[in-house]
Amino acid sequence: MPMPRPGSADGPRPRAVRRAPVLLLAAVCTLPALVPLTASAAPSFRLTRSDVALQIDRGVLGSWSELTARPGAAIGFEPRSAGGRVLRLADAPGAAGYVAVTRTFTPKTVINVQAEAALVRQQLRRGKVRAVIAVTGRDGSSYQAGVYRAPAGHLRWAVWTKNASGGVRDLRVATLARLGSFHRIALSTRWGGARSRAILSVNGRTVARTPLQKRATAGTRAIIGLGRVSKMTETGMMLVRSGRVTTAAPTAVAVAPPPAGQPAPDVLPGTPIFRGDFETGGLSQWGGLQRVASDRITVVRSPVRQGSFAARFEVRNGDNPIGFGDRAEVQSSTGESEGDDRWYAWSTMLAADYPSSSAWQVISQWHANADGSPPLAFYVSGENILLQANRYSGPGSQIGTSTIWRGPLRRGQWQDIRMHVKWSGSDAVGFVELWVGGARQTFDDGSTRRAIRTLMPGVGAYFKQGLYRQSGVAGTGVVYHDGLQITSVG
């Protein structure tokens, strides 16, 4: 699913959440505290109380990311006449698709998502559903809750499951759903066992639940907003006052990182949370893409570094799909947040005829959910690949840029990257470790573990890969990426 849109001519910058005009509505209710997941209720689970509430009153998404299917989708904050803000989500007439906010996390077996929200309008065909809350699993399946257009024409609350190919299963229809009114909507899900299920509550009352079923997978992402529709004419608009996700997971001992001086691990430590290796034969593993034409990002059988497929990214002068630099990129809401301990592995190759230029060119980046250059990114400059950290004291306040590592370009050769990153907005907490071709790298300060802030303080990040370069670069650039996997420790 797509992510926040980057933008700026002077470096990779995502678009800020737009602020829309005032929209007058009735007063809203207050979202109550979440139902706690107690140790006595699930003694084998470690409770991880969520700190990923939507900060709508502050006008920021924090570690949540935008999720849009097509141009014309609107996500923005609106002030209310009664005080405070709401988050407005709407898709464009004739171009309907998912328009939401999302937060990823390490795999969990108990996930509760709550939102105080109002459907202002919804064009939906009879017999069809549209989600307003969803939890997706690492196998691509999901539990979803939202509205169902009954054969008689009225809207009803409903809960259902979707398989990895998008088919609706186990639909359970409940009470009437009123447009224009704010409701406290809660979706409680359990994964990874014989009693997996989803329960929908509206205004504190359980209204529907899916049947118990056996699921081996776990949940990895929460979504609040308007879900996918079957026709592009089925547009809607939704307002969100507040939202939150809480999670719990079985206790487990994390795999220890390798000792200092050792080669990169063959198997990444920790729990797998994302794979973007293109082994589906397409781009379905990724949440979104930015390109001017379908031939700018293609999945190929040769060259590959692992498996059967890799991705080819091509950028020509003027390939500017969103108005900020030339690019062809895929992206995923990987949800890097303060304190996260992550491992990354992938392979990259620049084509044998890749042009040499001193202009900035980004081939992999972790981008903040705010305006600004990426806190951490791999750049191409002349005959080198650089790892650069862009340091901020807060959104909009850059305090420095450091090239913490550089290595040779090696056109026409695969370069295997392994990284260990502690994500933090503090120079005293954040760090980076890097292996290239299995060899541990030394950074600009002589260390093999570079202490530096890796996040914009108070703002989460997400991952993008491909090629994004300064406008006006002559020549066609082609980059191949393959085998991305991400794990989380702790």
Protein backbone atom coordinates (compact mmCIF):
# COMPACT_ATOMS: atom_id res chain seq x y z
CA MET A 1 0.00 0.00 0.00
CA PRO A 2 1.31 3.45 -0.85
CA MET A 3 2.99 5.73 1.61
CA PRO A 4 3.52 9.46 2.21
CA ARG A 5 4.52 11.18 -1.03
CA PRO A 6 8.04 12.63 -1.10
CA GLY A 7 8.72 16.04 -2.51
CA SER A 8 11.37 18.77 -2.84
CA ALA A 9 13.92 19.68 -5.43
CA ASP A 10 16.83 19.90 -3.00
CA GLY A 11 16.69 16.37 -1.64
CA PRO A 12 14.35 13.48 -0.88
CA ARG A 13 11.45 14.86 1.13
CA PRO A 14 8.01 13.36 1.74
CA ARG A 15 4.97 15.49 1.41
CA ALA A 16 3.62 16.79 4.69
CA VAL A 17 0.08 15.90 5.67
CA ARG A 18 -2.02 18.53 3.98
CA ARG A 19 -4.10 20.88 6.06
CA ALA A 20 -7.58 21.16 4.63
CA PRO A 21 -10.25 23.86 5.12
CA VAL A 22 -12.58 23.80 8.10
CA LEU A 23 -15.43 21.33 7.83
CA LEU A 24 -18.29 21.83 10.28
CA LEU A 25 -19.77 18.72 11.87
CA ALA A 26 -21.65 17.75 14.99
CA ALA A 27 -19.71 17.45 18.26
CA VAL A 28 -17.87 14.18 18.74
CA CYS A 29 -17.58 11.73 21.60
CA THR A 30 -14.43 11.04 23.56
CA LEU A 31 -12.55 7.82 22.87
CA PRO A 32 -12.39 5.73 26.05
CA ALA A 33 -9.29 3.93 27.25
CA LEU A 34 -8.47 0.69 25.47
CA VAL A 35 -9.45 -2.58 27.06
CA PRO A 36 -6.21 -3.77 28.67
CA LEU A 37 -4.57 -7.04 27.72
CA THR A 38 -3.80 -8.44 31.16
CA ALA A 39 -1.25 -11.05 32.06
CA SER A 40 -3.94 -13.08 33.82
CA ALA A 41 -6.03 -13.19 30.65
CA ALA A 42 -3.07 -14.48 28.61
CA PRO A 43 -0.29 -15.66 30.94
CA SER A 44 1.96 -16.77 28.06
CA PHE A 45 1.96 -13.32 26.48
CA ARG A 46 4.17 -10.33 27.06
CA LEU A 47 2.06 -7.15 27.09
CA THR A 48 3.47 -4.31 25.05
CA ARG A 49 1.33 -1.26 25.74
CA SER A 50 1.19 0.77 22.58
CA ASP A 51 2.74 4.16 22.17
CA VAL A 52 1.44 4.49 18.63
CA ALA A 53 -1.68 6.55 19.14
CA LEU A 54 -2.64 8.92 16.35
CA GLN A 55 -1.68 12.41 17.55
CA ILE A 56 -4.47 14.16 15.70
CA ASP A 57 -4.84 17.07 18.14
CA ARG A 58 -1.17 17.90 17.53
CA GLY A 59 -1.60 17.72 13.77
CA VAL A 60 0.98 14.95 13.25
CA LEU A 61 0.84 11.29 12.33
CA GLY A 62 3.92 10.38 14.37
CA SER A 63 4.96 6.82 13.53
CA TRP A 64 1.84 6.25 11.43
CA SER A 65 2.17 6.58 7.64
CA GLU A 66 -0.16 7.66 4.87
CA LEU A 67 -1.57 4.93 2.66
CA THR A 68 -3.16 5.89 -0.68
CA ALA A 69 -3.96 3.92 -3.81
CA ARG A 70 -4.34 6.63 -6.45
CA PRO A 71 -3.61 10.32 -7.10
CA GLY A 72 -6.41 12.54 -5.88
CA ALA A 73 -6.78 10.84 -2.52
CA ALA A 74 -6.88 13.38 0.30
CA ILE A 75 -5.36 12.97 3.75
CA GLY A 76 -5.17 16.07 5.94
CA PHE A 77 -5.92 17.64 9.28
CA GLU A 78 -8.86 20.01 9.69
CA PRO A 79 -9.53 22.32 12.62
CA ARG A 80 -12.97 22.11 14.20
CA SER A 81 -15.11 24.99 15.31
CA ALA A 82 -15.50 23.31 18.71
CA GLY A 83 -11.69 23.09 19.07
CA GLY A 84 -9.14 20.44 18.25
CA ARG A 85 -8.64 18.71 14.92
CA VAL A 86 -9.92 15.79 12.92
CA LEU A 87 -8.11 13.73 10.30
CA ARG A 88 -9.94 13.79 6.98
CA LEU A 89 -9.59 10.91 4.50
CA ALA A 90 -11.33 10.95 1.12
CA ASP A 91 -10.86 9.42 -2.30
CA ALA A 92 -11.51 11.17 -5.59
CA PRO A 93 -14.64 10.66 -7.71
CA GLY A 94 -13.93 8.05 -10.37
CA ALA A 95 -10.62 7.09 -8.73
CA ALA A 96 -11.62 5.32 -5.55
CA GLY A 97 -9.14 3.21 -3.64
CA TYR A 98 -7.74 2.75 -0.17
CA VAL A 99 -6.92 6.01 1.61
CA ALA A 100 -5.84 5.47 5.20
CA VAL A 101 -3.07 5.67 7.77
CA THR A 102 -1.08 2.64 8.84
CA ARG A 103 1.37 1.47 11.48
CA THR A 104 3.55 -1.66 11.16
CA PHE A 105 5.05 -3.59 14.06
CA THR A 106 6.88 -6.82 14.77
CA PRO A 107 4.60 -9.86 14.47
CA LYS A 108 2.06 -10.05 17.31
CA THR A 109 -0.69 -12.53 18.17
CA VAL A 110 -3.08 -10.13 19.92
CA ILE A 111 -3.83 -6.79 18.24
CA ASN A 112 -6.55 -4.33 19.24
CA VAL A 113 -7.28 -1.26 17.10
CA GLN A 114 -9.69 1.48 18.12
CA ALA A 115 -10.77 4.67 16.39
CA GLU A 116 -13.36 7.34 16.95
CA ALA A 117 -14.54 7.96 13.41
CA ALA A 118 -17.43 9.11 11.23
CA LEU A 119 -18.28 8.13 7.69
CA VAL A 120 -19.47 11.40 6.18
CA ARG A 121 -20.37 9.84 2.85
CA GLN A 122 -19.95 6.46 1.15
CA GLN A 123 -20.97 5.46 -2.35
CA LEU A 124 -21.08 1.67 -2.07
CA ARG A 125 -22.87 -0.86 -4.24
CA ARG A 126 -25.34 -3.29 -2.70
CA GLY A 127 -23.79 -6.47 -1.38
CA LYS A 128 -20.33 -4.86 -1.07
CA VAL A 129 -18.15 -4.00 1.93
CA ARG A 130 -15.67 -1.26 2.76
CA ALA A 131 -13.25 -1.42 5.67
CA VAL A 132 -12.61 1.39 8.16
CA ILE A 133 -10.27 -0.61 10.44
CA ALA A 134 -8.05 -3.55 9.48
CA VAL A 135 -5.23 -5.68 10.85
CA THR A 136 -3.08 -7.48 8.29
CA GLY A 137 -0.94 -10.57 8.80
CA ARG A 138 2.52 -11.36 7.57
CA ASP A 139 1.04 -13.82 5.07
CA GLY A 140 -1.02 -11.05 3.41
CA SER A 141 -4.37 -12.05 4.94
CA SER A 142 -6.33 -9.63 7.12
CA TYR A 143 -9.19 -9.09 9.55
CA GLN A 144 -11.34 -6.12 8.53
CA ALA A 145 -14.26 -4.20 10.01
CA GLY A 146 -16.38 -1.57 8.35
CA VAL A 147 -19.67 -1.19 6.55
CA TYR A 148 -21.79 -3.42 4.30
CA ARG A 149 -24.41 -2.16 1.85
CA ALA A 150 -27.39 -4.45 2.39
CA PRO A 151 -29.64 -5.55 -0.52
CA ALA A 152 -32.32 -3.18 0.82
CA GLY A 153 -29.86 -0.29 0.41
CA HIS A 154 -28.98 0.64 3.99
CA LEU A 155 -25.50 0.47 5.55
CA ARG A 156 -24.71 -2.00 8.32
CA TRP A 157 -21.65 -2.61 10.46
CA ALA A 158 -19.78 -5.77 9.50
CA VAL A 159 -16.61 -7.75 10.18
CA TRP A 160 -14.88 -10.20 7.84
CA THR A 161 -11.59 -11.80 6.83
CA LYS A 162 -9.67 -11.42 3.59
CA ASN A 163 -7.29 -13.99 2.22
CA ALA A 164 -3.91 -13.05 0.72
CA SER A 165 -5.44 -12.73 -2.76
CA GLY A 166 -8.11 -10.28 -1.54
CA GLY A 167 -11.15 -12.56 -1.34
CA VAL A 168 -13.75 -11.74 1.35
CA ARG A 169 -14.52 -14.60 3.76
CA ASP A 170 -16.57 -15.13 6.94
CA LEU A 171 -18.65 -11.96 6.52
CA ARG A 172 -20.74 -11.19 9.61
CA VAL A 173 -23.27 -8.35 9.30
CA ALA A 174 -24.53 -6.42 12.33
CA THR A 175 -26.53 -3.30 13.24
CA LEU A 176 -27.31 -0.24 11.15
CA ALA A 177 -24.43 2.20 10.57
CA ARG A 178 -25.30 5.89 10.55
CA LEU A 179 -23.49 8.28 8.23
CA GLY A 180 -22.29 11.59 9.67
CA SER A 181 -22.17 10.40 13.29
CA PHE A 182 -19.00 9.66 15.21
CA HIS A 183 -18.72 6.14 16.60
CA ARG A 184 -16.18 4.40 18.83
CA ILE A 185 -15.12 1.47 16.66
CA ALA A 186 -12.92 -1.31 18.03
CA LEU A 187 -11.50 -4.34 16.23
CA SER A 188 -9.97 -6.95 18.54
CA THR A 189 -8.02 -9.69 16.78
CA ARG A 190 -6.22 -12.84 17.84
CA TRP A 191 -3.76 -14.66 15.58
CA GLY A 192 -1.53 -17.73 15.50
CA GLY A 193 -3.67 -20.47 17.02
CA ALA A 194 -6.78 -22.62 16.82
CA ARG A 195 -8.92 -19.87 18.38
CA SER A 196 -7.95 -17.03 16.05
CA ARG A 197 -10.77 -14.60 15.34
CA ALA A 198 -11.83 -10.94 15.11
CA ILE A 199 -14.45 -9.16 17.23
CA LEU A 200 -16.08 -5.86 16.26
CA SER A 201 -17.42 -3.48 18.90
CA VAL A 202 -19.25 -0.22 18.21
CA ASN A 203 -19.79 2.34 20.98
CA GLY A 204 -18.74 -0.16 23.62
CA ARG A 205 -21.04 -2.97 22.47
CA THR A 206 -19.93 -6.15 20.67
CA VAL A 207 -21.90 -6.34 17.42
CA ALA A 208 -20.22 -9.09 15.37
CA ARG A 209 -17.40 -11.62 15.42
CA THR A 210 -15.81 -13.95 12.90
CA PRO A 211 -15.88 -17.70 13.56
CA LEU A 212 -12.99 -19.32 15.40
CA GLN A 213 -10.40 -20.67 13.02
CA LYS A 214 -6.85 -21.98 13.00
CA ARG A 215 -4.24 -19.45 11.87
CA ALA A 216 -0.51 -20.05 11.91
CA THR A 217 0.39 -16.47 11.01
CA ALA A 218 0.64 -13.31 13.14
CA GLY A 219 -0.50 -9.71 12.68
CA THR A 220 2.01 -7.10 11.51
CA ARG A 221 0.08 -3.93 10.59
CA ALA A 222 -2.86 -1.82 11.78
CA ILE A 223 -4.84 0.35 9.35
CA ILE A 224 -7.41 3.08 10.02
CA GLY A 225 -9.21 4.63 7.05
CA LEU A 226 -11.17 3.81 3.92
CA GLY A 227 -10.29 0.37 2.53
CA ARG A 228 -10.20 -1.03 -0.98
CA VAL A 229 -13.38 -1.00 -3.10
CA SER A 230 -14.38 -3.07 -6.11
CA LYS A 231 -15.34 -0.13 -8.36
CA MET A 232 -13.59 3.21 -8.84
CA THR A 233 -16.93 5.01 -8.49
CA GLU A 234 -17.42 3.83 -4.88
CA THR A 235 -15.91 6.90 -3.24
CA GLY A 236 -16.23 8.03 0.36
CA MET A 237 -15.07 10.44 3.01
CA MET A 238 -14.19 9.65 6.61
CA LEU A 239 -13.21 11.76 9.62
CA VAL A 240 -11.11 10.40 12.47
CA ARG A 241 -10.97 12.04 15.88
CA SER A 242 -8.55 9.59 17.55
CA GLY A 243 -7.09 6.13 17.16
CA ARG A 244 -4.74 3.70 18.82
CA VAL A 245 -3.33 0.18 18.53
CA THR A 246 -2.24 -2.11 21.37
CA THR A 247 -0.46 -5.41 20.90
CA ALA A 248 0.80 -8.45 22.79
CA ALA A 249 3.03 -11.35 21.79
CA PRO A 250 4.46 -14.59 23.20
CA THR A 251 7.64 -14.07 25.15
CA ALA A 252 10.69 -15.24 23.24
CA VAL A 253 14.46 -15.01 23.43
CA ALA A 254 15.83 -12.88 20.59
CA VAL A 255 18.68 -14.16 18.46
CA ALA A 256 21.86 -12.41 19.58
CA PRO A 257 23.74 -10.17 17.10
CA PRO A 258 27.16 -11.44 16.02
CA PRO A 259 30.16 -10.36 18.10
CA ALA A 260 32.19 -7.37 16.96
CA GLY A 261 34.57 -8.19 14.13
CA GLN A 262 32.57 -11.17 12.86
CA PRO A 263 31.26 -11.44 9.28
CA ALA A 264 27.68 -10.62 8.46
CA PRO A 265 25.18 -13.28 9.62
CA ASP A 266 23.83 -15.68 7.00
CA VAL A 267 20.48 -15.59 8.82
CA LEU A 268 19.43 -12.23 10.21
CA PRO A 269 18.90 -12.09 13.99
CA GLY A 270 15.41 -11.44 15.35
CA THR A 271 11.86 -11.87 14.06
CA PRO A 272 11.10 -11.37 10.33
CA ILE A 273 8.79 -8.40 9.79
CA PHE A 274 9.07 -7.65 6.04
CA ARG A 275 10.26 -9.28 2.85
CA GLY A 276 10.56 -7.40 -0.44
CA ASP A 277 12.49 -9.90 -2.58
CA PHE A 278 10.11 -9.81 -5.60
CA GLU A 279 9.73 -13.60 -5.47
CA THR A 280 6.01 -13.19 -6.09
CA GLY A 281 6.99 -12.32 -9.65
CA GLY A 282 5.52 -8.82 -9.20
CA LEU A 283 5.43 -5.81 -6.88
CA SER A 284 2.68 -7.03 -4.53
CA GLN A 285 5.01 -7.25 -1.51
CA TRP A 286 5.44 -3.49 -1.57
CA GLY A 287 2.92 -0.96 -0.32
CA GLY A 288 3.28 1.53 -3.16
CA LEU A 289 5.35 2.75 -6.07
CA GLN A 290 6.21 5.98 -7.89
CA ARG A 291 7.04 5.90 -11.61
CA VAL A 292 6.06 7.67 -14.82
CA ALA A 293 5.43 4.49 -16.83
CA SER A 294 5.11 0.76 -16.19
CA ASP A 295 8.45 -0.01 -17.86
CA ARG A 296 10.35 2.10 -15.30
CA ILE A 297 9.91 -0.55 -12.58
CA THR A 298 9.87 -4.13 -13.80
CA VAL A 299 10.37 -7.52 -12.18
CA VAL A 300 12.98 -9.49 -14.15
CA ARG A 301 14.35 -13.03 -14.26
CA SER A 302 17.86 -11.83 -15.14
CA PRO A 303 20.03 -10.55 -13.61
CA VAL A 304 19.09 -11.88 -10.15
CA ARG A 305 21.10 -12.28 -6.96
CA GLN A 306 18.86 -14.81 -5.21
CA GLY A 307 15.72 -16.77 -6.04
CA SER A 308 14.04 -16.38 -9.43
CA PHE A 309 13.32 -12.64 -9.60
CA ALA A 310 14.83 -9.21 -9.01
CA ALA A 311 13.55 -5.68 -9.74
CA ARG A 312 14.88 -3.29 -12.39
CA PHE A 313 14.50 0.45 -11.79
CA GLU A 314 15.03 2.87 -14.70
CA VAL A 315 15.08 6.68 -14.53
CA ARG A 316 15.45 9.06 -17.48
CA ASN A 317 15.82 12.83 -17.42
CA GLY A 318 12.33 14.25 -16.79
CA ASP A 319 10.87 11.13 -15.13
CA ASN A 320 9.11 13.18 -12.48
CA PRO A 321 5.91 11.39 -11.43
CA ILE A 322 4.97 13.57 -8.43
CA GLY A 323 6.73 16.91 -9.01
CA PHE A 324 9.86 16.47 -6.87
CA GLY A 325 12.90 15.00 -8.63
CA ASP A 326 13.17 12.17 -11.13
CA ARG A 327 12.41 8.75 -9.70
CA ALA A 328 11.28 5.16 -9.92
CA GLU A 329 10.81 3.75 -6.40
CA VAL A 330 8.91 1.18 -4.40
CA GLN A 331 8.09 1.77 -0.73
CA SER A 332 6.70 0.06 2.34
CA SER A 333 5.38 1.25 5.69
CA THR A 334 8.09 -0.55 7.65
CA GLY A 335 7.42 1.69 10.67
CA GLU A 336 10.89 2.42 12.08
CA SER A 337 10.28 4.11 15.46
CA GLU A 338 12.21 5.31 18.50
CA GLY A 339 14.01 2.42 20.19
CA ASP A 340 13.48 -0.14 17.39
CA ASP A 341 16.39 -2.56 16.86
CA ARG A 342 16.35 -3.73 13.23
CA TRP A 343 18.43 -5.81 10.83
CA TYR A 344 18.32 -5.37 7.03
CA ALA A 345 19.73 -7.41 4.14
CA TRP A 346 19.52 -6.91 0.37
CA SER A 347 21.62 -6.81 -2.80
CA THR A 348 22.05 -3.89 -5.22
CA MET A 349 23.67 -3.61 -8.65
CA LEU A 350 24.11 -0.55 -10.83
CA ALA A 351 24.05 -1.25 -14.57
CA ALA A 352 27.36 -1.37 -16.45
CA ASP A 353 26.47 1.88 -18.28
CA TYR A 354 25.24 3.76 -15.19
CA PRO A 355 26.07 7.46 -15.77
CA SER A 356 28.60 9.25 -13.55
CA SER A 357 27.29 12.44 -11.94
CA SER A 358 27.99 14.60 -8.91
CA ALA A 359 24.25 15.31 -8.49
CA TRP A 360 22.48 13.62 -5.57
CA GLN A 361 21.08 10.18 -6.40
CA VAL A 362 19.36 7.97 -3.82
CA ILE A 363 19.14 4.17 -4.25
CA SER A 364 17.81 3.10 -0.82
CA GLN A 365 16.42 5.34 1.92
CA TRP A 366 14.64 5.45 5.24
CA HIS A 367 12.43 8.51 5.03
CA ALA A 368 10.85 10.36 7.92
CA ASN A 369 7.07 10.78 8.06
CA ALA A 370 7.68 14.51 7.77
CA ASP A 371 9.27 17.00 5.39
CA GLY A 372 13.03 16.80 5.03
CA SER A 373 15.86 14.72 3.60
CA PRO A 374 15.94 11.08 4.78
CA PRO A 375 17.53 10.51 8.21
CA LEU A 376 19.49 7.62 6.65
CA ALA A 377 20.07 6.80 2.97
CA PHE A 378 22.45 5.27 0.44
CA TYR A 379 23.50 7.73 -2.28
CA VAL A 380 25.44 7.45 -5.52
CA SER A 381 28.00 10.23 -6.07
CA GLY A 382 30.46 10.08 -8.95
CA GLU A 383 32.23 6.72 -8.62
CA ASN A 384 31.16 6.02 -5.04
CA ILE A 385 28.25 4.78 -2.98
CA LEU A 386 27.74 6.81 0.19
CA LEU A 387 25.80 6.14 3.39
CA GLN A 388 24.60 9.50 4.63
CA ALA A 389 22.85 10.56 7.83
CA ASN A 390 20.81 13.75 7.76
CA ARG A 391 20.51 14.97 11.35
CA TYR A 392 17.51 16.93 12.64
CA SER A 393 16.63 18.44 15.98
CA GLY A 394 12.96 18.12 15.04
CA PRO A 395 10.65 18.39 12.01
CA GLY A 396 11.86 21.20 9.73
CA SER A 397 15.09 21.80 11.71
CA GLN A 398 18.11 20.18 10.06
CA ILE A 399 21.31 20.55 12.06
CA GLY A 400 23.81 18.69 9.89
CA THR A 401 24.63 16.06 7.30
CA SER A 402 27.28 13.38 7.73
CA THR A 403 28.64 10.96 5.14
CA ILE A 404 29.43 8.15 7.55
CA TRP A 405 30.63 5.59 4.97
CA ARG A 406 31.73 5.43 1.33
CA GLY A 407 32.61 2.55 -0.97
CA PRO A 408 33.34 1.97 -4.68
CA LEU A 409 30.49 1.93 -7.19
CA ARG A 410 31.45 -1.35 -8.98
CA ARG A 411 29.12 -1.11 -11.96
CA GLY A 412 27.73 -4.39 -13.22
CA GLN A 413 28.43 -6.23 -9.93
CA TRP A 414 26.03 -7.21 -7.17
CA GLN A 415 26.86 -5.70 -3.78
CA ASP A 416 25.41 -7.55 -0.78
CA ILE A 417 24.37 -5.20 2.03
CA ARG A 418 23.77 -6.16 5.67
CA MET A 419 22.86 -3.50 8.21
CA HIS A 420 22.10 -3.34 11.92
CA VAL A 421 20.39 -0.11 12.97
CA LYS A 422 19.25 1.17 16.34
CA TRP A 423 16.58 3.71 15.49
CA SER A 424 16.63 6.83 17.67
CA GLY A 425 16.47 10.60 17.47
CA SER A 426 19.42 10.75 19.89
CA ASP A 427 23.12 10.60 18.93
CA ALA A 428 23.75 8.81 22.22
CA VAL A 429 21.28 5.99 21.47
CA GLY A 430 21.15 5.50 17.71
CA PHE A 431 23.81 3.56 15.82
CA VAL A 432 24.58 1.81 12.52
CA GLU A 433 26.60 -1.30 11.72
CA LEU A 434 27.30 -2.22 8.09
CA TRP A 435 28.62 -5.21 6.14
CA VAL A 436 29.25 -5.14 2.37
CA GLY A 437 30.02 -8.40 0.59
CA GLY A 438 30.20 -10.11 3.98
CA ALA A 439 32.98 -7.80 5.25
CA ARG A 440 32.34 -5.54 8.21
CA GLN A 441 32.83 -1.89 7.28
CA THR A 442 34.67 0.91 9.09
CA PHE A 443 32.92 4.27 9.33
CA ASP A 444 34.23 7.82 8.99
CA ASP A 445 35.12 8.01 12.70
CA GLY A 446 37.15 4.79 12.61
CA SER A 447 34.49 2.71 14.38
CA THR A 448 32.58 -0.37 13.22
CA ARG A 449 29.49 0.73 15.16
CA ARG A 450 28.74 4.34 14.26
CA ALA A 451 26.90 6.24 16.99
CA ILE A 452 24.56 8.78 15.40
CA ARG A 453 20.89 9.73 15.45
CA THR A 454 19.02 7.66 12.88
CA LEU A 455 15.56 9.26 13.18
CA MET A 456 14.15 12.74 13.09
CA PRO A 457 13.31 13.18 16.80
CA GLY A 458 9.68 12.34 17.51
CA VAL A 459 9.01 11.13 13.95
CA GLY A 460 8.95 7.59 12.58
CA ALA A 461 10.34 6.44 9.23
CA TYR A 462 9.60 4.08 6.34
CA PHE A 463 11.69 2.36 3.65
CA LYS A 464 12.00 3.15 -0.07
CA GLN A 465 14.14 1.49 -2.71
CA GLY A 466 14.83 2.12 -6.38
CA LEU A 467 16.41 5.24 -7.88
CA TYR A 468 15.57 8.85 -7.02
CA ARG A 469 17.82 11.58 -8.41
CA GLN A 470 18.16 15.30 -8.88
CA SER A 471 16.31 16.66 -11.91
CA GLY A 472 18.44 17.43 -14.94
CA VAL A 473 20.88 14.50 -14.73
CA ALA A 474 21.80 13.43 -18.25
CA GLY A 475 21.64 9.80 -19.26
CA THR A 476 19.47 6.88 -18.24
CA GLY A 477 20.16 5.31 -14.85
CA VAL A 478 19.35 1.64 -14.24
CA VAL A 479 19.60 0.01 -10.81
CA TYR A 480 18.71 -3.56 -9.76
CA HIS A 481 17.60 -4.52 -6.23
CA ASP A 482 16.98 -8.01 -4.91
CA GLY A 483 16.40 -10.02 -1.74
CA LEU A 484 15.32 -7.41 0.82
CA GLN A 485 14.47 -8.82 4.24
CA ILE A 486 13.96 -7.00 7.55
CA THR A 487 13.96 -8.42 11.06
CA SER A 488 13.40 -6.94 14.49
CA VAL A 489 15.27 -7.85 17.69
CA GLY A 490 13.56 -7.60 21.08
